N, C-alpha and C. Protein backbone atom coordinates (compact mmCIF):
# COMPACT_ATOMS: atom_id res chain seq x y z
N MET A 1 18.59 -3.60 -10.30
CA MET A 1 17.71 -2.42 -9.94
C MET A 1 16.15 -2.16 -10.99
N SER A 2 14.80 -2.24 -10.32
CA SER A 2 13.96 -1.69 -11.23
C SER A 2 14.26 -0.56 -11.76
N LYS A 3 13.59 -0.32 -12.66
CA LYS A 3 13.69 1.48 -13.07
C LYS A 3 12.42 1.80 -13.34
N ILE A 4 12.11 3.00 -12.82
CA ILE A 4 10.19 2.86 -12.84
C ILE A 4 10.36 4.73 -13.15
N LEU A 5 9.26 4.79 -14.20
CA LEU A 5 9.54 6.04 -15.09
C LEU A 5 8.19 6.78 -14.17
N VAL A 6 8.26 7.64 -13.86
CA VAL A 6 7.35 8.90 -12.45
C VAL A 6 6.86 9.66 -14.03
N ILE A 7 5.48 10.14 -14.17
CA ILE A 7 4.56 10.81 -14.90
C ILE A 7 3.84 11.77 -14.41
N ASP A 8 3.99 12.72 -14.00
CA ASP A 8 3.07 13.84 -13.29
C ASP A 8 3.64 15.00 -13.63
N ASP A 9 2.41 15.63 -13.63
CA ASP A 9 2.67 17.39 -13.86
C ASP A 9 3.04 18.14 -12.65
N SER A 10 3.13 17.41 -11.19
CA SER A 10 3.30 18.19 -10.51
C SER A 10 4.64 17.69 -9.71
N GLY A 11 5.44 18.59 -9.72
CA GLY A 11 6.87 18.54 -8.99
C GLY A 11 6.72 18.00 -7.51
N LEU A 12 5.78 18.23 -7.05
CA LEU A 12 5.73 18.03 -5.63
C LEU A 12 5.26 16.36 -5.50
N THR A 13 4.49 15.95 -6.30
CA THR A 13 4.24 14.26 -6.74
C THR A 13 5.32 13.40 -7.24
N ARG A 14 6.10 13.94 -8.06
CA ARG A 14 7.03 13.28 -8.43
C ARG A 14 8.18 13.33 -7.13
N ARG A 15 8.35 14.46 -6.70
CA ARG A 15 9.52 14.63 -5.21
C ARG A 15 8.87 13.53 -4.40
N ILE A 16 8.06 13.26 -4.31
CA ILE A 16 7.69 12.13 -2.77
C ILE A 16 7.42 10.84 -3.26
N LEU A 17 7.40 10.76 -4.49
CA LEU A 17 7.24 9.13 -5.18
C LEU A 17 8.81 9.00 -5.14
N ARG A 18 9.60 9.58 -5.62
CA ARG A 18 10.68 9.58 -5.70
C ARG A 18 11.33 9.14 -3.83
N SER A 19 11.04 9.92 -3.18
CA SER A 19 11.61 9.91 -1.60
C SER A 19 10.85 8.36 -1.16
N ILE A 20 9.82 7.85 -2.01
CA ILE A 20 9.58 6.76 -1.55
C ILE A 20 9.86 5.27 -2.06
N LEU A 21 10.25 5.76 -3.25
CA LEU A 21 10.90 4.92 -4.14
C LEU A 21 12.46 4.55 -4.42
N GLU A 22 13.20 5.35 -4.26
CA GLU A 22 14.77 5.50 -4.15
C GLU A 22 14.94 4.64 -2.56
N PRO A 23 14.39 4.88 -1.92
CA PRO A 23 15.14 4.53 -0.63
C PRO A 23 14.93 2.81 -0.67
N ALA A 24 13.79 2.32 -1.34
CA ALA A 24 13.56 0.71 -1.40
C ALA A 24 14.30 0.18 -2.80
N GLY A 25 15.19 1.12 -3.08
CA GLY A 25 15.88 0.35 -4.21
C GLY A 25 15.75 0.52 -5.58
N TYR A 26 14.84 1.20 -6.25
CA TYR A 26 14.38 1.72 -7.45
C TYR A 26 14.93 2.84 -8.19
N GLN A 27 14.79 2.75 -9.12
CA GLN A 27 15.81 3.76 -9.87
C GLN A 27 14.11 4.54 -10.49
N VAL A 28 14.66 6.05 -10.06
CA VAL A 28 13.43 6.73 -10.77
C VAL A 28 14.11 7.63 -11.78
N ILE A 29 13.16 7.60 -12.64
CA ILE A 29 13.09 8.61 -14.28
C ILE A 29 11.97 9.35 -13.78
N GLU A 30 11.99 10.86 -14.45
CA GLU A 30 10.61 11.60 -14.06
C GLU A 30 10.43 12.22 -15.54
N ALA A 31 9.02 12.49 -15.78
CA ALA A 31 8.72 12.90 -16.65
C ALA A 31 7.92 13.74 -16.28
N PRO A 32 7.83 15.58 -16.70
CA PRO A 32 6.72 16.12 -16.23
C PRO A 32 5.68 16.26 -17.37
N ASP A 33 5.11 15.96 -17.92
CA ASP A 33 3.89 15.96 -19.16
C ASP A 33 4.14 14.63 -19.72
N GLY A 34 2.93 14.71 -20.71
CA GLY A 34 3.00 13.31 -21.63
C GLY A 34 3.79 13.29 -22.92
N LYS A 35 4.18 14.44 -23.51
CA LYS A 35 4.96 14.37 -24.78
C LYS A 35 6.33 13.99 -24.18
N LYS A 36 6.78 14.34 -23.40
CA LYS A 36 8.22 14.12 -22.47
C LYS A 36 8.43 12.43 -22.04
N ALA A 37 6.84 12.08 -21.68
CA ALA A 37 7.19 10.73 -20.58
C ALA A 37 7.03 9.43 -22.03
N ILE A 38 6.72 9.98 -23.28
CA ILE A 38 6.46 9.05 -24.75
C ILE A 38 7.99 9.22 -24.58
N GLU A 39 8.27 10.20 -24.62
CA GLU A 39 10.17 10.21 -25.25
C GLU A 39 11.01 10.09 -24.13
N THR A 40 10.81 9.64 -22.78
CA THR A 40 11.77 9.04 -22.23
C THR A 40 11.17 7.05 -21.66
N PHE A 41 9.93 7.18 -21.94
CA PHE A 41 9.75 5.90 -22.19
C PHE A 41 10.37 5.00 -23.48
N SER A 42 10.31 5.70 -24.08
CA SER A 42 11.27 4.79 -25.43
C SER A 42 12.23 4.86 -25.35
N SER A 43 13.39 6.04 -24.80
CA SER A 43 14.72 5.84 -24.64
C SER A 43 14.85 5.11 -23.37
N GLU A 44 14.32 5.44 -22.06
CA GLU A 44 14.64 4.29 -21.13
C GLU A 44 13.96 3.14 -20.67
N LYS A 45 12.89 2.93 -21.41
CA LYS A 45 12.37 1.14 -21.33
C LYS A 45 12.30 1.31 -19.83
N PRO A 46 11.21 1.58 -19.13
CA PRO A 46 11.32 1.41 -17.54
C PRO A 46 10.81 0.04 -17.36
N ASP A 47 10.99 -0.39 -15.85
CA ASP A 47 10.34 -1.57 -16.04
C ASP A 47 8.95 -1.45 -15.39
N LEU A 48 8.36 -0.24 -14.90
CA LEU A 48 7.11 0.00 -14.66
C LEU A 48 7.16 1.43 -14.54
N THR A 49 5.11 2.01 -15.12
CA THR A 49 5.43 3.52 -15.19
C THR A 49 4.28 3.82 -14.06
N LEU A 50 4.31 5.07 -13.66
CA LEU A 50 3.65 5.30 -12.52
C LEU A 50 3.01 6.91 -13.47
N LEU A 51 1.72 6.61 -13.51
CA LEU A 51 1.13 7.99 -14.25
C LEU A 51 0.20 9.04 -13.94
N ASP A 52 0.05 9.89 -13.66
CA ASP A 52 -1.23 10.96 -13.59
C ASP A 52 -2.05 10.72 -14.70
N LEU A 53 -3.23 10.94 -14.44
CA LEU A 53 -3.91 11.14 -15.23
C LEU A 53 -4.52 13.10 -15.94
N THR A 54 -4.32 13.87 -14.80
CA THR A 54 -4.70 14.63 -14.98
C THR A 54 -3.34 15.85 -15.66
N MET A 55 -3.13 15.68 -16.55
CA MET A 55 -1.75 16.81 -17.21
C MET A 55 -2.42 17.46 -17.94
N GLU A 56 -2.10 18.90 -18.15
CA GLU A 56 -2.31 20.02 -19.05
C GLU A 56 -1.79 19.69 -20.72
N ASP A 57 -0.81 18.68 -21.11
CA ASP A 57 -0.62 18.83 -22.27
C ASP A 57 -1.64 17.56 -22.98
N MET A 58 -1.65 16.68 -22.60
CA MET A 58 -2.12 15.24 -22.53
C MET A 58 -2.57 14.41 -21.48
N HIS A 59 -4.01 13.79 -21.53
CA HIS A 59 -4.66 13.23 -20.59
C HIS A 59 -3.80 11.80 -20.61
N GLY A 60 -3.41 11.59 -19.24
CA GLY A 60 -3.27 10.29 -19.23
C GLY A 60 -3.60 8.86 -19.66
N LEU A 61 -4.65 8.89 -19.87
CA LEU A 61 -5.33 7.63 -21.04
C LEU A 61 -4.72 7.93 -22.27
N GLU A 62 -4.69 9.02 -23.14
CA GLU A 62 -3.84 9.18 -24.47
C GLU A 62 -2.46 8.38 -23.65
N VAL A 63 -1.55 8.91 -23.06
CA VAL A 63 -0.59 8.75 -22.41
C VAL A 63 -0.48 7.16 -22.79
N LEU A 64 -0.92 6.39 -21.75
CA LEU A 64 -0.76 5.52 -21.57
C LEU A 64 -1.58 4.07 -22.91
N LYS A 65 -2.13 5.01 -23.77
CA LYS A 65 -2.63 4.26 -25.25
C LYS A 65 -1.36 4.27 -25.78
N LYS A 66 -0.70 5.43 -25.86
CA LYS A 66 0.65 5.42 -26.53
C LYS A 66 1.54 4.79 -26.43
N LEU A 67 1.74 4.54 -24.73
CA LEU A 67 2.91 3.78 -24.31
C LEU A 67 2.91 2.48 -24.70
N ARG A 68 0.92 1.80 -24.69
CA ARG A 68 1.06 0.89 -24.89
C ARG A 68 0.97 0.45 -27.13
N GLU A 69 1.44 1.29 -27.66
CA GLU A 69 1.63 1.13 -29.04
C GLU A 69 2.81 0.91 -29.00
N ILE A 70 3.49 1.76 -28.07
CA ILE A 70 5.51 1.03 -27.98
C ILE A 70 5.61 -0.06 -27.23
N ASP A 71 4.83 -0.40 -26.61
CA ASP A 71 5.08 -1.71 -25.55
C ASP A 71 3.82 -2.47 -25.25
N ASN A 72 3.33 -3.17 -26.02
CA ASN A 72 2.03 -3.29 -25.40
C ASN A 72 1.97 -4.26 -23.89
N GLN A 73 3.19 -4.73 -23.56
CA GLN A 73 3.21 -5.27 -22.26
C GLN A 73 3.37 -3.91 -21.31
N VAL A 74 3.73 -2.95 -21.77
CA VAL A 74 3.96 -1.95 -20.58
C VAL A 74 3.11 -2.27 -19.50
N LYS A 75 3.91 -2.25 -17.98
CA LYS A 75 3.36 -2.37 -16.96
C LYS A 75 3.11 -0.62 -16.45
N VAL A 76 1.78 -0.06 -16.08
CA VAL A 76 1.39 1.06 -15.67
C VAL A 76 0.44 1.21 -14.55
N VAL A 77 0.62 1.92 -13.42
CA VAL A 77 -0.27 2.26 -12.41
C VAL A 77 -0.49 3.92 -11.98
N ILE A 78 -1.63 4.14 -12.39
CA ILE A 78 -2.34 5.21 -12.66
C ILE A 78 -2.25 5.82 -11.05
N ILE A 79 -1.65 6.66 -11.06
CA ILE A 79 -2.07 7.32 -9.47
C ILE A 79 -2.57 9.06 -9.76
N THR A 80 -3.84 9.41 -9.32
CA THR A 80 -4.50 10.28 -9.66
C THR A 80 -5.20 10.63 -8.14
N ALA A 81 -5.74 11.94 -8.36
CA ALA A 81 -6.92 12.47 -6.98
C ALA A 81 -8.50 12.23 -7.28
N ASP A 82 -8.21 11.72 -8.71
CA ASP A 82 -9.76 11.54 -9.15
C ASP A 82 -10.25 10.48 -8.77
N ILE A 83 -10.99 10.02 -7.68
CA ILE A 83 -12.03 8.93 -7.06
C ILE A 83 -13.13 8.48 -7.67
N GLN A 84 -13.40 8.72 -8.98
CA GLN A 84 -14.89 8.18 -9.60
C GLN A 84 -14.33 6.72 -9.93
N SER A 85 -15.47 5.78 -9.89
CA SER A 85 -15.34 4.40 -10.20
C SER A 85 -15.26 4.51 -11.93
N PHE A 86 -16.07 5.59 -12.27
CA PHE A 86 -15.88 5.17 -13.91
C PHE A 86 -14.21 5.75 -14.41
N THR A 87 -13.72 6.43 -13.77
CA THR A 87 -11.93 6.91 -14.11
C THR A 87 -11.39 5.64 -14.09
N ARG A 88 -11.60 4.96 -12.64
CA ARG A 88 -10.85 4.01 -12.80
C ARG A 88 -11.02 2.45 -13.94
N LYS A 89 -12.80 2.61 -13.98
CA LYS A 89 -12.83 1.58 -15.17
C LYS A 89 -12.06 2.03 -16.28
N GLU A 90 -12.14 3.20 -16.50
CA GLU A 90 -11.69 3.49 -17.93
C GLU A 90 -10.24 2.94 -18.10
N ALA A 91 -9.39 3.76 -16.56
CA ALA A 91 -7.72 2.97 -16.48
C ALA A 91 -7.93 2.04 -16.73
N GLU A 92 -8.62 0.89 -15.73
CA GLU A 92 -8.29 -0.45 -16.15
C GLU A 92 -8.74 -0.86 -17.51
N GLU A 93 -9.65 -0.53 -18.19
CA GLU A 93 -9.83 -1.08 -19.49
C GLU A 93 -8.93 -0.22 -20.24
N ALA A 94 -8.20 0.49 -20.34
CA ALA A 94 -7.04 0.97 -21.40
C ALA A 94 -5.66 -0.19 -21.13
N GLY A 95 -5.40 -0.51 -20.00
CA GLY A 95 -4.35 -1.68 -19.82
C GLY A 95 -3.71 -1.07 -18.46
N ALA A 96 -4.74 -0.29 -17.29
CA ALA A 96 -3.32 0.08 -15.86
C ALA A 96 -3.84 -1.49 -15.08
N LEU A 97 -2.70 -1.67 -14.87
CA LEU A 97 -2.84 -2.68 -13.92
C LEU A 97 -3.17 -2.30 -12.08
N ALA A 98 -2.57 -1.07 -11.94
CA ALA A 98 -3.71 -0.97 -10.42
C ALA A 98 -3.58 0.47 -10.56
N PHE A 99 -4.42 1.38 -9.51
CA PHE A 99 -4.64 2.42 -9.44
C PHE A 99 -4.63 2.92 -8.07
N LEU A 100 -4.12 3.81 -7.82
CA LEU A 100 -3.69 4.59 -6.66
C LEU A 100 -3.89 6.32 -6.35
N ASN A 101 -4.52 6.00 -5.09
CA ASN A 101 -5.34 7.64 -5.22
C ASN A 101 -4.32 8.87 -4.29
N LYS A 102 -4.42 9.87 -4.90
CA LYS A 102 -3.62 10.98 -4.36
C LYS A 102 -3.78 11.47 -3.01
N PRO A 103 -3.72 11.99 -1.93
CA PRO A 103 -2.07 11.90 -1.58
C PRO A 103 -1.54 10.37 -1.65
N VAL A 104 -0.54 10.01 -2.07
CA VAL A 104 -0.18 8.44 -1.76
C VAL A 104 0.37 8.24 -0.57
N SER A 105 0.60 6.94 -0.10
CA SER A 105 0.66 6.40 0.90
C SER A 105 2.13 5.48 0.50
N ALA A 106 3.06 6.12 1.57
CA ALA A 106 4.61 5.06 0.97
C ALA A 106 4.45 3.80 1.02
N GLU A 107 3.62 3.18 2.42
CA GLU A 107 3.05 1.76 2.59
C GLU A 107 2.47 1.44 1.37
N ILE A 108 1.51 1.64 0.60
CA ILE A 108 0.79 1.27 -0.36
C ILE A 108 0.87 1.40 -1.35
N THR A 109 1.77 2.22 -1.81
CA THR A 109 2.81 2.60 -3.18
C THR A 109 3.87 1.71 -3.05
N LEU A 110 4.61 0.99 -2.22
CA LEU A 110 5.45 0.13 -2.16
C LEU A 110 4.90 -1.06 -2.09
N ASN A 111 3.69 -1.20 -1.88
CA ASN A 111 3.14 -2.89 -1.76
C ASN A 111 2.92 -2.74 -3.40
N THR A 112 2.15 -1.99 -3.85
CA THR A 112 1.65 -2.08 -5.28
C THR A 112 3.11 -2.56 -6.30
N VAL A 113 3.70 -1.53 -6.23
CA VAL A 113 4.92 -1.70 -6.92
C VAL A 113 5.80 -3.21 -7.01
N LYS A 114 5.89 -3.31 -5.52
CA LYS A 114 6.46 -4.60 -5.32
C LYS A 114 5.81 -5.87 -6.11
N SER A 115 3.98 -6.06 -5.99
CA SER A 115 2.76 -7.05 -6.55
C SER A 115 3.31 -6.98 -7.88
N ILE A 116 3.35 -5.78 -8.06
CA ILE A 116 3.71 -5.98 -10.21
C ILE A 116 4.62 -6.18 -10.99
N LEU A 117 5.98 -5.76 -9.70
CA LEU A 117 6.96 -6.04 -10.45
C LEU A 117 7.44 -7.49 -10.10
């Protein structure tokens, strides 16, 4: 069973993603902010990370940079409401493998996760 870390300051988004991923057979762990995300990533070593960009304590791109310092092969999918092409380009240049827009679609989310894992 693949382990997926969901990093988002929205409890609702974390619950939605859990409700999509767990029935599909994935183990879901959560982090509500950047600091907790880095701690959880280090201790849990997830197979994939779903990462929000806009969080109060730390921007998602900063979190991605720190995760890549821990594991340069980290697999990260950005999930955000920001639809600007500049944001997508920045995330891809920082090492994100995919980019999903909120609100998330169950079908698109599962297809993306399956293709990366």
